[in-house]
Amino acid sequence: MATQTKENYLKAIYFLNLKNEAVTVTALGKEMSVSKPTVNNMIKKLTVNGWIEYEKYKPIKLTSSGTLAAALIIRKHRLTEMFLVQIMGFGWEEVHIIAEEMEHLKTEGLFDRMDEILGYPTTDPHGSPIPDKNGEFNRKSYNTLSSISSGKVVTLRAVGDSSASLLTMLNDKEITLGTDFTISKIEEFDRTMIVSYGTRKDISLSNEVCKRLLVEEVG
């Protein structure tokens, strides 16, 4: 359990860095839903591991070994999600919690075998990039659907939120990765989008949903 907690903190720091946020004790405490003393105690442990560098009142920085360790945890998580969906038939809304448990396993050969069986995928079921064994991955830059103007045609490439509630809602609307949206109207009042895709016409998507859908313009 202690190791799992350390790894969860490590992931939190990694993801805050990806958002270009300064990783302060306060920010990390908010991300982990714990108090500042609890964060300070963990910072000492992560420093002993050689995963972070920290000076009081300055942002927390990952070391090269910390960055690699975090990326490999994320690799195990996303490979697990892909395996559960592609091989075992789970829905994309079902896999996050299972992967949260699996990512802490130390049996590296298991994940290498998953990777091989899957054909070495570069993204998970939600469109997020899967790091390779060196912790490297190709992060593509997509726009949120909410930033696209009326009249455009876009393809859904990833979701910025893998919560079961969002994914279940997308299932109900028959929206998956690769769905092409034609944006016919954007409501002035609340930025609700009216879109068409496949056989579905004039479907309303709230601004909160559109902020979480990452798309690429067609053409």
Protein backbone atom coordinates (compact mmCIF):
# COMPACT_ATOMS: atom_id res chain seq x y z
CA MET A 1 0.00 0.00 0.00
CA ALA A 2 2.86 2.39 0.83
CA THR A 3 4.39 1.85 -2.61
CA GLN A 4 1.02 2.36 -4.31
CA THR A 5 0.55 5.65 -2.48
CA LYS A 6 3.99 6.86 -3.55
CA GLU A 7 3.24 5.94 -7.15
CA ASN A 8 -0.10 7.76 -7.05
CA TYR A 9 1.65 10.92 -5.83
CA LEU A 10 4.23 10.49 -8.56
CA LYS A 11 1.50 10.27 -11.21
CA ALA A 12 -0.22 13.34 -9.79
CA ILE A 13 2.99 15.39 -10.06
CA TYR A 14 3.54 14.11 -13.59
CA PHE A 15 0.04 15.08 -14.75
CA LEU A 16 0.24 18.51 -13.11
CA ASN A 17 3.49 19.06 -15.02
CA LEU A 18 1.75 18.09 -18.27
CA LYS A 19 -0.83 20.82 -17.58
CA ASN A 20 2.08 23.27 -17.19
CA GLU A 21 1.03 23.91 -13.61
CA ALA A 22 3.55 24.76 -10.89
CA VAL A 23 3.52 21.74 -8.61
CA THR A 24 3.32 23.30 -5.17
CA VAL A 25 2.51 21.58 -1.90
CA THR A 26 -0.92 23.25 -2.02
CA ALA A 27 -1.61 22.14 -5.61
CA LEU A 28 -0.52 18.59 -4.89
CA GLY A 29 -2.62 18.46 -1.73
CA LYS A 30 -5.66 19.59 -3.71
CA GLU A 31 -4.99 17.02 -6.43
CA MET A 32 -4.64 14.20 -3.89
CA SER A 33 -7.35 15.52 -1.52
CA VAL A 34 -5.01 15.50 1.47
CA SER A 35 -3.59 18.04 3.93
CA LYS A 36 -0.33 19.96 3.54
CA PRO A 37 1.38 18.01 6.37
CA THR A 38 0.49 14.77 4.61
CA VAL A 39 1.97 16.08 1.35
CA ASN A 40 5.13 17.26 3.12
CA ASN A 41 5.58 13.82 4.65
CA MET A 42 5.26 12.17 1.24
CA ILE A 43 7.65 14.68 -0.37
CA LYS A 44 10.36 13.48 2.00
CA LYS A 45 9.76 9.86 0.96
CA LEU A 46 9.76 10.67 -2.77
CA THR A 47 12.99 12.63 -2.34
CA VAL A 48 14.63 9.62 -0.67
CA ASN A 49 13.51 7.52 -3.66
CA GLY A 50 15.31 9.98 -5.94
CA TRP A 51 12.08 10.74 -7.79
CA ILE A 52 11.75 14.44 -6.99
CA GLU A 53 13.74 17.53 -6.11
CA TYR A 54 12.20 19.99 -3.66
CA GLU A 55 13.21 23.19 -1.90
CA LYS A 56 10.85 24.82 0.56
CA TYR A 57 8.52 27.42 -1.04
CA LYS A 58 9.58 26.32 -4.53
CA PRO A 59 7.75 24.04 -7.03
CA ILE A 60 8.26 20.29 -6.78
CA LYS A 61 10.30 18.96 -9.70
CA LEU A 62 10.51 15.42 -11.02
CA THR A 63 13.98 14.02 -11.55
CA SER A 64 14.73 12.07 -14.73
CA SER A 65 14.23 8.82 -12.82
CA GLY A 66 10.97 10.14 -11.37
CA THR A 67 9.70 11.12 -14.81
CA LEU A 68 10.53 7.67 -16.17
CA ALA A 69 8.93 5.90 -13.21
CA ALA A 70 5.72 7.93 -13.62
CA ALA A 71 5.59 7.31 -17.37
CA LEU A 72 5.98 3.56 -16.88
CA ILE A 73 3.12 3.50 -14.35
CA ILE A 74 0.95 5.31 -16.89
CA ARG A 75 2.09 2.84 -19.56
CA LYS A 76 0.87 -0.09 -17.47
CA HIS A 77 -2.43 1.66 -16.80
CA ARG A 78 -3.16 2.46 -20.42
CA LEU A 79 -2.03 -0.91 -21.77
CA THR A 80 -4.34 -2.56 -19.25
CA GLU A 81 -7.26 -0.42 -20.38
CA MET A 82 -6.58 -1.26 -24.01
CA PHE A 83 -6.28 -4.98 -23.25
CA LEU A 84 -9.53 -5.00 -21.30
CA VAL A 85 -11.39 -3.28 -24.13
CA GLN A 86 -9.81 -4.89 -27.19
CA ILE A 87 -9.21 -8.44 -25.94
CA MET A 88 -11.63 -8.94 -23.07
CA GLY A 89 -14.58 -6.96 -24.38
CA PHE A 90 -15.01 -4.47 -21.55
CA GLY A 91 -16.60 -1.11 -22.30
CA TRP A 92 -14.34 1.96 -22.26
CA GLU A 93 -16.36 3.24 -19.31
CA GLU A 94 -15.55 0.14 -17.21
CA VAL A 95 -11.78 -0.10 -17.32
CA HIS A 96 -10.31 2.82 -15.36
CA ILE A 97 -10.75 1.41 -11.85
CA ILE A 98 -9.37 -2.00 -12.86
CA ALA A 99 -6.34 -0.34 -14.49
CA GLU A 100 -5.77 1.74 -11.34
CA GLU A 101 -5.17 -1.52 -9.48
CA MET A 102 -3.17 -3.23 -12.24
CA GLU A 103 -0.74 -0.33 -12.78
CA HIS A 104 1.02 -1.09 -9.48
CA LEU A 105 1.95 -4.66 -10.42
CA LYS A 106 5.69 -5.23 -10.77
CA THR A 107 5.44 -8.10 -13.26
CA GLU A 108 6.82 -6.21 -16.26
CA GLY A 109 6.60 -9.27 -18.52
CA LEU A 110 2.81 -9.25 -18.15
CA PHE A 111 2.57 -5.79 -19.66
CA ASP A 112 5.12 -6.57 -22.36
CA ARG A 113 2.95 -9.52 -23.35
CA MET A 114 -0.17 -7.34 -23.37
CA ASP A 115 1.66 -4.89 -25.62
CA GLU A 116 2.64 -7.67 -28.03
CA ILE A 117 -0.84 -9.20 -28.16
CA LEU A 118 -2.36 -5.79 -28.85
CA GLY A 119 0.08 -5.10 -31.68
CA TYR A 120 1.98 -2.32 -29.84
CA PRO A 121 -0.76 0.32 -29.67
CA THR A 122 0.18 3.98 -29.31
CA THR A 123 -3.08 5.12 -27.70
CA ASP A 124 -5.50 3.73 -25.13
CA PRO A 125 -9.30 3.33 -25.55
CA HIS A 126 -9.81 6.99 -24.64
CA GLY A 127 -7.29 8.28 -27.17
CA SER A 128 -4.56 9.03 -24.62
CA PRO A 129 -0.99 8.20 -25.71
CA ILE A 130 0.70 5.09 -24.32
CA PRO A 131 4.35 5.63 -23.29
CA ASP A 132 6.86 3.13 -24.66
CA LYS A 133 9.28 1.16 -22.48
CA ASN A 134 11.62 4.16 -22.38
CA GLY A 135 8.85 6.41 -21.09
CA GLU A 136 8.58 8.22 -24.41
CA PHE A 137 5.33 8.84 -26.21
CA ASN A 138 3.92 10.91 -29.03
CA ARG A 139 1.54 13.50 -27.62
CA LYS A 140 -0.65 14.86 -30.40
CA SER A 141 -2.18 18.30 -30.03
CA TYR A 142 -5.94 18.33 -30.47
CA ASN A 143 -8.50 21.06 -29.98
CA THR A 144 -11.50 20.84 -27.70
CA LEU A 145 -14.81 20.59 -29.52
CA SER A 146 -15.92 23.70 -27.62
CA SER A 147 -13.26 25.75 -29.45
CA ILE A 148 -14.48 24.84 -32.94
CA SER A 149 -16.71 27.21 -34.90
CA SER A 150 -20.06 26.48 -36.49
CA GLY A 151 -20.02 24.87 -39.94
CA LYS A 152 -16.86 22.85 -39.33
CA VAL A 153 -16.51 19.06 -39.60
CA VAL A 154 -14.29 17.41 -37.00
CA THR A 155 -13.30 13.89 -35.90
CA LEU A 156 -13.28 12.82 -32.26
CA ARG A 157 -9.74 11.64 -31.43
CA ALA A 158 -9.69 11.51 -27.62
CA VAL A 159 -11.61 12.33 -24.48
CA GLY A 160 -10.10 14.57 -21.85
CA ASP A 161 -12.11 12.94 -19.08
CA SER A 162 -12.34 9.18 -18.62
CA SER A 163 -15.05 9.32 -15.94
CA ALA A 164 -17.64 6.57 -16.24
CA SER A 165 -20.47 9.12 -16.22
CA LEU A 166 -19.16 10.96 -19.31
CA LEU A 167 -18.31 7.77 -21.20
CA THR A 168 -21.69 6.22 -20.42
CA MET A 169 -23.39 9.35 -21.73
CA LEU A 170 -21.32 9.14 -24.92
CA ASN A 171 -22.32 5.48 -25.26
CA ASP A 172 -25.98 6.47 -25.00
CA LYS A 173 -25.47 9.00 -27.78
CA GLU A 174 -23.51 6.44 -29.88
CA ILE A 175 -20.39 8.62 -29.83
CA THR A 176 -17.04 6.82 -30.07
CA LEU A 177 -13.48 7.69 -31.08
CA GLY A 178 -13.49 8.33 -34.82
CA THR A 179 -16.97 9.86 -34.85
CA ASP A 180 -17.23 12.73 -37.36
CA PHE A 181 -19.25 15.70 -36.11
CA THR A 182 -20.77 18.35 -38.35
CA ILE A 183 -21.40 21.46 -36.26
CA SER A 184 -24.58 23.12 -37.44
CA LYS A 185 -25.18 25.63 -34.65
CA ILE A 186 -23.75 27.00 -31.41
CA GLU A 187 -26.25 28.45 -28.95
CA GLU A 188 -25.23 32.00 -27.99
CA PHE A 189 -26.56 31.76 -24.44
CA ASP A 190 -24.66 28.76 -23.07
CA ARG A 191 -22.47 27.60 -26.00
CA THR A 192 -24.44 24.37 -26.39
CA MET A 193 -23.51 22.79 -29.73
CA ILE A 194 -25.96 21.29 -32.18
CA VAL A 195 -24.16 18.55 -34.12
CA SER A 196 -24.93 15.76 -36.56
CA TYR A 197 -23.01 12.50 -36.97
CA GLY A 198 -23.76 9.16 -38.60
CA THR A 199 -27.52 8.75 -38.69
CA ARG A 200 -28.02 11.15 -35.79
CA LYS A 201 -29.17 14.66 -36.63
CA ASP A 202 -29.29 17.85 -34.57
CA ILE A 203 -27.97 16.38 -31.31
CA SER A 204 -27.34 18.82 -28.45
CA LEU A 205 -24.01 18.67 -26.61
CA SER A 206 -23.50 20.94 -23.60
CA ASN A 207 -20.47 23.18 -23.36
CA GLU A 208 -19.19 21.11 -20.42
CA VAL A 209 -19.24 17.99 -22.60
CA CYS A 210 -17.68 19.79 -25.58
CA LYS A 211 -14.78 20.95 -23.39
CA ARG A 212 -13.94 17.31 -22.74
CA LEU A 213 -14.01 16.07 -26.35
CA LEU A 214 -10.71 16.42 -28.21
CA VAL A 215 -11.08 16.70 -31.96
CA GLU A 216 -9.21 17.14 -35.22
CA GLU A 217 -10.61 19.14 -38.12
CA VAL A 218 -11.44 17.11 -41.22
CA GLY A 219 -9.61 18.26 -44.32
